[in-house]
PDB file of all heavy atoms in Angstrom:
ATOM      1  N   ARG A   1     155.588  30.674  -3.238  1.00  0.00           N
ATOM      2  CA  ARG A   1     156.028  31.994  -3.256  1.00  0.00           C
ATOM      3  C   ARG A   1     156.908  32.290  -4.471  1.00  0.00           C
ATOM      4  O   ARG A   1     156.761  33.228  -5.257  1.00  0.00           O
ATOM      5  CB  ARG A   1     156.765  32.425  -1.927  1.00  0.00           C
ATOM      6  CG  ARG A   1     157.213  33.862  -1.835  1.00  0.00           C
ATOM      7  CD  ARG A   1     157.860  34.294  -0.544  1.00  0.00           C
ATOM      8  NE  ARG A   1     158.859  33.327  -0.098  1.00  0.00           N
ATOM      9  CZ  ARG A   1     158.752  32.512   0.885  1.00  0.00           C
ATOM     10  NH1 ARG A   1     157.684  32.476   1.638  1.00  0.00           N
ATOM     11  NH2 ARG A   1     159.747  31.737   1.209  1.00  0.00           N
ATOM     12  N   ALA A   2     157.824  31.304  -4.674  1.00  0.00           N
ATOM     13  CA  ALA A   2     158.730  31.391  -5.858  1.00  0.00           C
ATOM     14  C   ALA A   2     157.935  31.409  -7.213  1.00  0.00           C
ATOM     15  O   ALA A   2     158.224  32.223  -8.004  1.00  0.00           O
ATOM     16  CB  ALA A   2     159.796  30.313  -5.806  1.00  0.00           C
ATOM     17  N   LEU A   3     156.988  30.476  -7.226  1.00  0.00           N
ATOM     18  CA  LEU A   3     156.101  30.423  -8.491  1.00  0.00           C
ATOM     19  C   LEU A   3     155.389  31.700  -8.718  1.00  0.00           C
ATOM     20  O   LEU A   3     155.323  32.139  -9.875  1.00  0.00           O
ATOM     21  CB  LEU A   3     155.140  29.241  -8.455  1.00  0.00           C
ATOM     22  CG  LEU A   3     154.341  28.984  -9.638  1.00  0.00           C
ATOM     23  CD1 LEU A   3     155.030  28.886 -10.929  1.00  0.00           C
ATOM     24  CD2 LEU A   3     153.285  27.917  -9.374  1.00  0.00           C
ATOM     25  N   LEU A   4     154.805  32.268  -7.732  1.00  0.00           N
ATOM     26  CA  LEU A   4     154.070  33.436  -7.879  1.00  0.00           C
ATOM     27  C   LEU A   4     154.940  34.667  -8.294  1.00  0.00           C
ATOM     28  O   LEU A   4     154.576  35.384  -9.162  1.00  0.00           O
ATOM     29  CB  LEU A   4     153.302  33.858  -6.602  1.00  0.00           C
ATOM     30  CG  LEU A   4     152.363  35.074  -6.679  1.00  0.00           C
ATOM     31  CD1 LEU A   4     151.357  34.939  -7.724  1.00  0.00           C
ATOM     32  CD2 LEU A   4     151.744  35.393  -5.368  1.00  0.00           C
ATOM     33  N   ASP A   5     156.095  34.714  -7.740  1.00  0.00           N
ATOM     34  CA  ASP A   5     157.041  35.798  -8.054  1.00  0.00           C
ATOM     35  C   ASP A   5     157.380  35.676  -9.518  1.00  0.00           C
ATOM     36  O   ASP A   5     157.404  36.680 -10.253  1.00  0.00           O
ATOM     37  CB  ASP A   5     158.306  35.739  -7.170  1.00  0.00           C
ATOM     38  CG  ASP A   5     158.044  36.153  -5.713  1.00  0.00           C
ATOM     39  OD1 ASP A   5     157.039  36.684  -5.459  1.00  0.00           O
ATOM     40  OD2 ASP A   5     158.880  35.842  -4.915  1.00  0.00           O
ATOM     41  N   VAL A   6     157.707  34.566  -9.936  1.00  0.00           N
ATOM     42  CA  VAL A   6     158.103  34.301 -11.390  1.00  0.00           C
ATOM     43  C   VAL A   6     156.918  34.508 -12.307  1.00  0.00           C
ATOM     44  O   VAL A   6     156.974  35.130 -13.284  1.00  0.00           O
ATOM     45  CB  VAL A   6     158.773  32.851 -11.596  1.00  0.00           C
ATOM     46  CG1 VAL A   6     158.961  32.523 -13.017  1.00  0.00           C
ATOM     47  CG2 VAL A   6     160.032  32.751 -10.840  1.00  0.00           C
ATOM     48  N   ALA A   7     155.805  34.044 -11.901  1.00  0.00           N
ATOM     49  CA  ALA A   7     154.568  34.144 -12.727  1.00  0.00           C
ATOM     50  C   ALA A   7     154.168  35.611 -12.872  1.00  0.00           C
ATOM     51  O   ALA A   7     153.779  36.033 -13.979  1.00  0.00           O
ATOM     52  CB  ALA A   7     153.419  33.362 -12.126  1.00  0.00           C
ATOM     53  N   ILE A   8     154.343  36.460 -11.860  1.00  0.00           N
ATOM     54  CA  ILE A   8     154.101  37.803 -12.017  1.00  0.00           C
ATOM     55  C   ILE A   8     155.005  38.518 -12.900  1.00  0.00           C
ATOM     56  O   ILE A   8     154.483  39.356 -13.697  1.00  0.00           O
ATOM     57  CB  ILE A   8     154.053  38.454 -10.536  1.00  0.00           C
ATOM     58  CG1 ILE A   8     152.888  38.010  -9.727  1.00  0.00           C
ATOM     59  CG2 ILE A   8     154.032  39.987 -10.672  1.00  0.00           C
ATOM     60  CD1 ILE A   8     152.983  38.383  -8.252  1.00  0.00           C
ATOM     61  N   THR A   9     156.202  38.181 -12.874  1.00  0.00           N
ATOM     62  CA  THR A   9     157.191  38.957 -13.697  1.00  0.00           C
ATOM     63  C   THR A   9     157.301  38.381 -15.096  1.00  0.00           C
ATOM     64  O   THR A   9     157.596  39.117 -16.047  1.00  0.00           O
ATOM     65  CB  THR A   9     158.637  38.908 -13.026  1.00  0.00           C
ATOM     66  OG1 THR A   9     159.018  37.514 -12.860  1.00  0.00           O
ATOM     67  CG2 THR A   9     158.614  39.636 -11.667  1.00  0.00           C
ATOM     68  N   GLU A  10     157.126  37.031 -15.301  1.00  0.00           N
ATOM     69  CA  GLU A  10     157.461  36.430 -16.591  1.00  0.00           C
ATOM     70  C   GLU A  10     156.163  35.982 -17.358  1.00  0.00           C
ATOM     71  O   GLU A  10     156.246  35.762 -18.518  1.00  0.00           O
ATOM     72  CB  GLU A  10     158.288  35.249 -16.454  1.00  0.00           C
ATOM     73  CG  GLU A  10     159.707  35.584 -15.921  1.00  0.00           C
ATOM     74  CD  GLU A  10     160.609  34.418 -15.868  1.00  0.00           C
ATOM     75  OE1 GLU A  10     160.235  33.280 -16.301  1.00  0.00           O
ATOM     76  OE2 GLU A  10     161.722  34.569 -15.232  1.00  0.00           O
ATOM     77  N   SER A  11     155.050  35.784 -16.684  1.00  0.00           N
ATOM     78  CA  SER A  11     153.832  35.219 -17.287  1.00  0.00           C
ATOM     79  C   SER A  11     152.597  35.791 -16.668  1.00  0.00           C
ATOM     80  O   SER A  11     152.611  36.828 -16.096  1.00  0.00           O
ATOM     81  CB  SER A  11     153.940  33.732 -17.419  1.00  0.00           C
ATOM     82  OG  SER A  11     153.810  33.077 -16.164  1.00  0.00           O
ATOM     83  N   ASP A  12     151.558  34.898 -16.679  1.00  0.00           N
ATOM     84  CA  ASP A  12     150.316  35.285 -16.123  1.00  0.00           C
ATOM     85  C   ASP A  12     150.062  34.445 -14.891  1.00  0.00           C
ATOM     86  O   ASP A  12     149.938  33.165 -14.923  1.00  0.00           O
ATOM     87  CB  ASP A  12     149.215  35.008 -17.226  1.00  0.00           C
ATOM     88  CG  ASP A  12     147.756  35.327 -16.718  1.00  0.00           C
ATOM     89  OD1 ASP A  12     147.624  35.857 -15.585  1.00  0.00           O
ATOM     90  OD2 ASP A  12     146.932  34.948 -17.436  1.00  0.00           O
ATOM     91  N   PRO A  13     149.936  35.076 -13.638  1.00  0.00           N
ATOM     92  CA  PRO A  13     149.647  34.255 -12.411  1.00  0.00           C
ATOM     93  C   PRO A  13     148.415  33.504 -12.384  1.00  0.00           C
ATOM     94  O   PRO A  13     148.292  32.407 -11.842  1.00  0.00           O
ATOM     95  CB  PRO A  13     149.824  35.364 -11.287  1.00  0.00           C
ATOM     96  CG  PRO A  13     149.928  36.721 -11.990  1.00  0.00           C
ATOM     97  CD  PRO A  13     150.019  36.470 -13.388  1.00  0.00           C
ATOM     98  N   ASP A  14     147.448  33.990 -13.032  1.00  0.00           N
ATOM     99  CA  ASP A  14     146.130  33.313 -13.189  1.00  0.00           C
ATOM    100  C   ASP A  14     146.296  32.083 -13.906  1.00  0.00           C
ATOM    101  O   ASP A  14     145.756  30.981 -13.604  1.00  0.00           O
ATOM    102  CB  ASP A  14     145.010  34.185 -13.713  1.00  0.00           C
ATOM    103  CG  ASP A  14     144.656  35.306 -12.804  1.00  0.00           C
ATOM    104  OD1 ASP A  14     144.620  35.116 -11.631  1.00  0.00           O
ATOM    105  OD2 ASP A  14     144.414  36.460 -13.335  1.00  0.00           O
ATOM    106  N   ARG A  15     146.959  32.133 -15.109  1.00  0.00           N
ATOM    107  CA  ARG A  15     147.206  30.939 -15.851  1.00  0.00           C
ATOM    108  C   ARG A  15     148.062  29.914 -15.191  1.00  0.00           C
ATOM    109  O   ARG A  15     147.809  28.717 -15.307  1.00  0.00           O
ATOM    110  CB  ARG A  15     147.892  31.354 -17.203  1.00  0.00           C
ATOM    111  CG  ARG A  15     148.083  30.266 -18.127  1.00  0.00           C
ATOM    112  CD  ARG A  15     148.668  30.659 -19.470  1.00  0.00           C
ATOM    113  NE  ARG A  15     148.961  29.456 -20.215  1.00  0.00           N
ATOM    114  CZ  ARG A  15     149.875  29.497 -21.258  1.00  0.00           C
ATOM    115  NH1 ARG A  15     150.502  30.551 -21.659  1.00  0.00           N
ATOM    116  NH2 ARG A  15     150.067  28.315 -21.875  1.00  0.00           N
ATOM    117  N   ALA A  16     148.970  30.394 -14.410  1.00  0.00           N
ATOM    118  CA  ALA A  16     149.832  29.523 -13.603  1.00  0.00           C
ATOM    119  C   ALA A  16     148.971  28.750 -12.589  1.00  0.00           C
ATOM    120  O   ALA A  16     149.107  27.498 -12.465  1.00  0.00           O
ATOM    121  CB  ALA A  16     150.954  30.262 -12.829  1.00  0.00           C
ATOM    122  N   GLU A  17     148.062  29.426 -11.983  1.00  0.00           N
ATOM    123  CA  GLU A  17     147.177  28.732 -11.034  1.00  0.00           C
ATOM    124  C   GLU A  17     146.346  27.653 -11.702  1.00  0.00           C
ATOM    125  O   GLU A  17     146.160  26.564 -11.351  1.00  0.00           O
ATOM    126  CB  GLU A  17     146.252  29.779 -10.330  1.00  0.00           C
ATOM    127  CG  GLU A  17     145.354  29.212  -9.268  1.00  0.00           C
ATOM    128  CD  GLU A  17     143.988  28.823  -9.681  1.00  0.00           C
ATOM    129  OE1 GLU A  17     143.524  29.328 -10.761  1.00  0.00           O
ATOM    130  OE2 GLU A  17     143.407  27.860  -9.110  1.00  0.00           O
ATOM    131  N   GLN A  18     145.816  28.014 -12.881  1.00  0.00           N
ATOM    132  CA  GLN A  18     144.955  27.054 -13.658  1.00  0.00           C
ATOM    133  C   GLN A  18     145.724  25.853 -14.084  1.00  0.00           C
ATOM    134  O   GLN A  18     145.280  24.766 -13.971  1.00  0.00           O
ATOM    135  CB  GLN A  18     144.326  27.768 -14.912  1.00  0.00           C
ATOM    136  CG  GLN A  18     143.329  28.812 -14.513  1.00  0.00           C
ATOM    137  CD  GLN A  18     142.967  29.726 -15.705  1.00  0.00           C
ATOM    138  OE1 GLN A  18     143.559  29.586 -16.815  1.00  0.00           O
ATOM    139  NE2 GLN A  18     142.038  30.677 -15.477  1.00  0.00           N
ATOM    140  N   GLU A  19     146.983  26.040 -14.593  1.00  0.00           N
ATOM    141  CA  GLU A  19     147.789  24.992 -14.984  1.00  0.00           C
ATOM    142  C   GLU A  19     148.262  24.099 -13.815  1.00  0.00           C
ATOM    143  O   GLU A  19     148.228  22.841 -13.897  1.00  0.00           O
ATOM    144  CB  GLU A  19     149.022  25.447 -15.736  1.00  0.00           C
ATOM    145  CG  GLU A  19     148.612  26.168 -17.106  1.00  0.00           C
ATOM    146  CD  GLU A  19     149.743  26.870 -17.792  1.00  0.00           C
ATOM    147  OE1 GLU A  19     150.806  27.119 -17.188  1.00  0.00           O
ATOM    148  OE2 GLU A  19     149.583  27.163 -18.938  1.00  0.00           O
ATOM    149  N   LEU A  20     148.572  24.682 -12.713  1.00  0.00           N
ATOM    150  CA  LEU A  20     148.966  23.924 -11.542  1.00  0.00           C
ATOM    151  C   LEU A  20     147.790  23.104 -11.137  1.00  0.00           C
ATOM    152  O   LEU A  20     147.867  21.908 -10.795  1.00  0.00           O
ATOM    153  CB  LEU A  20     149.528  24.847 -10.464  1.00  0.00           C
ATOM    154  CG  LEU A  20     150.083  24.269  -9.207  1.00  0.00           C
ATOM    155  CD1 LEU A  20     151.259  23.329  -9.602  1.00  0.00           C
ATOM    156  CD2 LEU A  20     150.559  25.299  -8.270  1.00  0.00           C
ATOM    157  N   ALA A  21     146.604  23.694 -11.032  1.00  0.00           N
ATOM    158  CA  ALA A  21     145.354  22.997 -10.653  1.00  0.00           C
ATOM    159  C   ALA A  21     145.050  21.816 -11.555  1.00  0.00           C
ATOM    160  O   ALA A  21     144.645  20.827 -11.052  1.00  0.00           O
ATOM    161  CB  ALA A  21     144.242  24.047 -10.509  1.00  0.00           C
ATOM    162  N   ALA A  22     145.262  22.089 -12.822  1.00  0.00           N
ATOM    163  CA  ALA A  22     144.961  20.995 -13.846  1.00  0.00           C
ATOM    164  C   ALA A  22     145.894  19.850 -13.567  1.00  0.00           C
ATOM    165  O   ALA A  22     145.448  18.680 -13.611  1.00  0.00           O
ATOM    166  CB  ALA A  22     145.161  21.543 -15.256  1.00  0.00           C
ATOM    167  N   PHE A  23     147.170  20.071 -13.272  1.00  0.00           N
ATOM    168  CA  PHE A  23     148.085  19.033 -13.023  1.00  0.00           C
ATOM    169  C   PHE A  23     147.739  18.283 -11.770  1.00  0.00           C
ATOM    170  O   PHE A  23     147.711  17.039 -11.690  1.00  0.00           O
ATOM    171  CB  PHE A  23     149.563  19.532 -12.996  1.00  0.00           C
ATOM    172  CG  PHE A  23     150.588  18.468 -12.954  1.00  0.00           C
ATOM    173  CD1 PHE A  23     151.096  17.986 -14.115  1.00  0.00           C
ATOM    174  CD2 PHE A  23     151.089  17.955 -11.762  1.00  0.00           C
ATOM    175  CE1 PHE A  23     152.069  16.909 -14.066  1.00  0.00           C
ATOM    176  CE2 PHE A  23     151.965  16.958 -11.749  1.00  0.00           C
ATOM    177  CZ  PHE A  23     152.474  16.451 -12.925  1.00  0.00           C
ATOM    178  N   VAL A  24     147.457  19.116 -10.673  1.00  0.00           N
ATOM    179  CA  VAL A  24     147.043  18.363  -9.409  1.00  0.00           C
ATOM    180  C   VAL A  24     145.777  17.556  -9.621  1.00  0.00           C
ATOM    181  O   VAL A  24     145.732  16.412  -9.073  1.00  0.00           O
ATOM    182  CB  VAL A  24     146.799  19.457  -8.288  1.00  0.00           C
ATOM    183  CG1 VAL A  24     146.156  18.893  -7.078  1.00  0.00           C
ATOM    184  CG2 VAL A  24     148.170  20.154  -8.003  1.00  0.00           C
ATOM    185  N   ASP A  25     144.789  18.015 -10.332  1.00  0.00           N
ATOM    186  CA  ASP A  25     143.618  17.328 -10.584  1.00  0.00           C
ATOM    187  C   ASP A  25     143.905  16.058 -11.381  1.00  0.00           C
ATOM    188  O   ASP A  25     143.322  14.959 -11.128  1.00  0.00           O
ATOM    189  CB  ASP A  25     142.501  18.161 -11.354  1.00  0.00           C
ATOM    190  CG  ASP A  25     141.909  19.201 -10.506  1.00  0.00           C
ATOM    191  OD1 ASP A  25     141.964  19.119  -9.214  1.00  0.00           O
ATOM    192  OD2 ASP A  25     141.309  20.185 -11.037  1.00  0.00           O
ATOM    193  N   LEU A  26     144.723  16.084 -12.440  1.00  0.00           N
ATOM    194  CA  LEU A  26     145.123  14.961 -13.194  1.00  0.00           C
ATOM    195  C   LEU A  26     145.727  13.880 -12.260  1.00  0.00           C
ATOM    196  O   LEU A  26     145.395  12.778 -12.416  1.00  0.00           O
ATOM    197  CB  LEU A  26     146.150  15.370 -14.187  1.00  0.00           C
ATOM    198  CG  LEU A  26     146.766  14.227 -15.111  1.00  0.00           C
ATOM    199  CD1 LEU A  26     145.543  13.750 -16.065  1.00  0.00           C
ATOM    200  CD2 LEU A  26     147.866  14.697 -15.936  1.00  0.00           C
ATOM    201  N   VAL A  27     146.604  14.289 -11.408  1.00  0.00           N
ATOM    202  CA  VAL A  27     147.270  13.328 -10.475  1.00  0.00           C
ATOM    203  C   VAL A  27     146.112  12.762  -9.563  1.00  0.00           C
ATOM    204  O   VAL A  27     146.148  11.464  -9.311  1.00  0.00           O
ATOM    205  CB  VAL A  27     148.324  13.985  -9.629  1.00  0.00           C
ATOM    206  CG1 VAL A  27     148.932  13.084  -8.591  1.00  0.00           C
ATOM    207  CG2 VAL A  27     149.523  14.448 -10.591  1.00  0.00           C
ATOM    208  N   ARG A  28     145.304  13.537  -8.983  1.00  0.00           N
ATOM    209  CA  ARG A  28     144.207  13.081  -8.121  1.00  0.00           C
ATOM    210  C   ARG A  28     143.328  12.012  -8.755  1.00  0.00           C
ATOM    211  O   ARG A  28     142.767  11.165  -8.160  1.00  0.00           O
ATOM    212  CB  ARG A  28     143.418  14.255  -7.532  1.00  0.00           C
ATOM    213  CG  ARG A  28     144.096  14.930  -6.480  1.00  0.00           C
ATOM    214  CD  ARG A  28     143.186  16.179  -5.906  1.00  0.00           C
ATOM    215  NE  ARG A  28     143.847  16.904  -4.863  1.00  0.00           N
ATOM    216  CZ  ARG A  28     143.710  18.236  -4.635  1.00  0.00           C
ATOM    217  NH1 ARG A  28     142.850  18.834  -5.284  1.00  0.00           N
ATOM    218  NH2 ARG A  28     144.389  18.803  -3.673  1.00  0.00           N
ATOM    219  N   GLN A  29     143.010  12.361 -10.052  1.00  0.00           N
ATOM    220  CA  GLN A  29     142.087  11.490 -10.765  1.00  0.00           C
ATOM    221  C   GLN A  29     142.745  10.237 -11.290  1.00  0.00           C
ATOM    222  O   GLN A  29     141.987   9.283 -11.752  1.00  0.00           O
ATOM    223  CB  GLN A  29     141.387  12.290 -11.953  1.00  0.00           C
ATOM    224  CG  GLN A  29     140.581  13.426 -11.572  1.00  0.00           C
ATOM    225  CD  GLN A  29     140.220  14.325 -12.707  1.00  0.00           C
ATOM    226  OE1 GLN A  29     140.531  14.065 -13.824  1.00  0.00           O
ATOM    227  NE2 GLN A  29     139.526  15.370 -12.378  1.00  0.00           N
ATOM    228  N   ASN A  30     143.938  10.068 -11.218  1.00  0.00           N
ATOM    229  CA  ASN A  30     144.725   8.875 -11.721  1.00  0.00           C
ATOM    230  C   ASN A  30     145.422   8.267 -10.528  1.00  0.00           C
ATOM    231  O   ASN A  30     146.565   8.646 -10.257  1.00  0.00           O
ATOM    232  CB  ASN A  30     145.665   9.292 -12.762  1.00  0.00           C
ATOM    233  CG  ASN A  30     146.272   8.072 -13.525  1.00  0.00           C
ATOM    234  OD1 ASN A  30     146.440   7.114 -12.928  1.00  0.00           O
ATOM    235  ND2 ASN A  30     146.594   8.322 -14.790  1.00  0.00           N
ATOM    236  N   PRO A  31     144.785   7.235  -9.947  1.00  0.00           N
ATOM    237  CA  PRO A  31     145.441   6.614  -8.751  1.00  0.00           C
ATOM    238  C   PRO A  31     146.797   5.972  -9.066  1.00  0.00           C
ATOM    239  O   PRO A  31     147.642   6.007  -8.250  1.00  0.00           O
ATOM    240  CB  PRO A  31     144.369   5.444  -8.432  1.00  0.00           C
ATOM    241  CG  PRO A  31     143.109   5.877  -8.996  1.00  0.00           C
ATOM    242  CD  PRO A  31     143.465   6.681 -10.180  1.00  0.00           C
TER     243      PRO A  31
END
């Protein structure tokens, strides 16, 4: 909720989702 609130006011919420997903995928792919 906090990330979405900040992303809406300060940046792009779609880009935030993509970047967060990229980080999660990176962690998942690297045991």
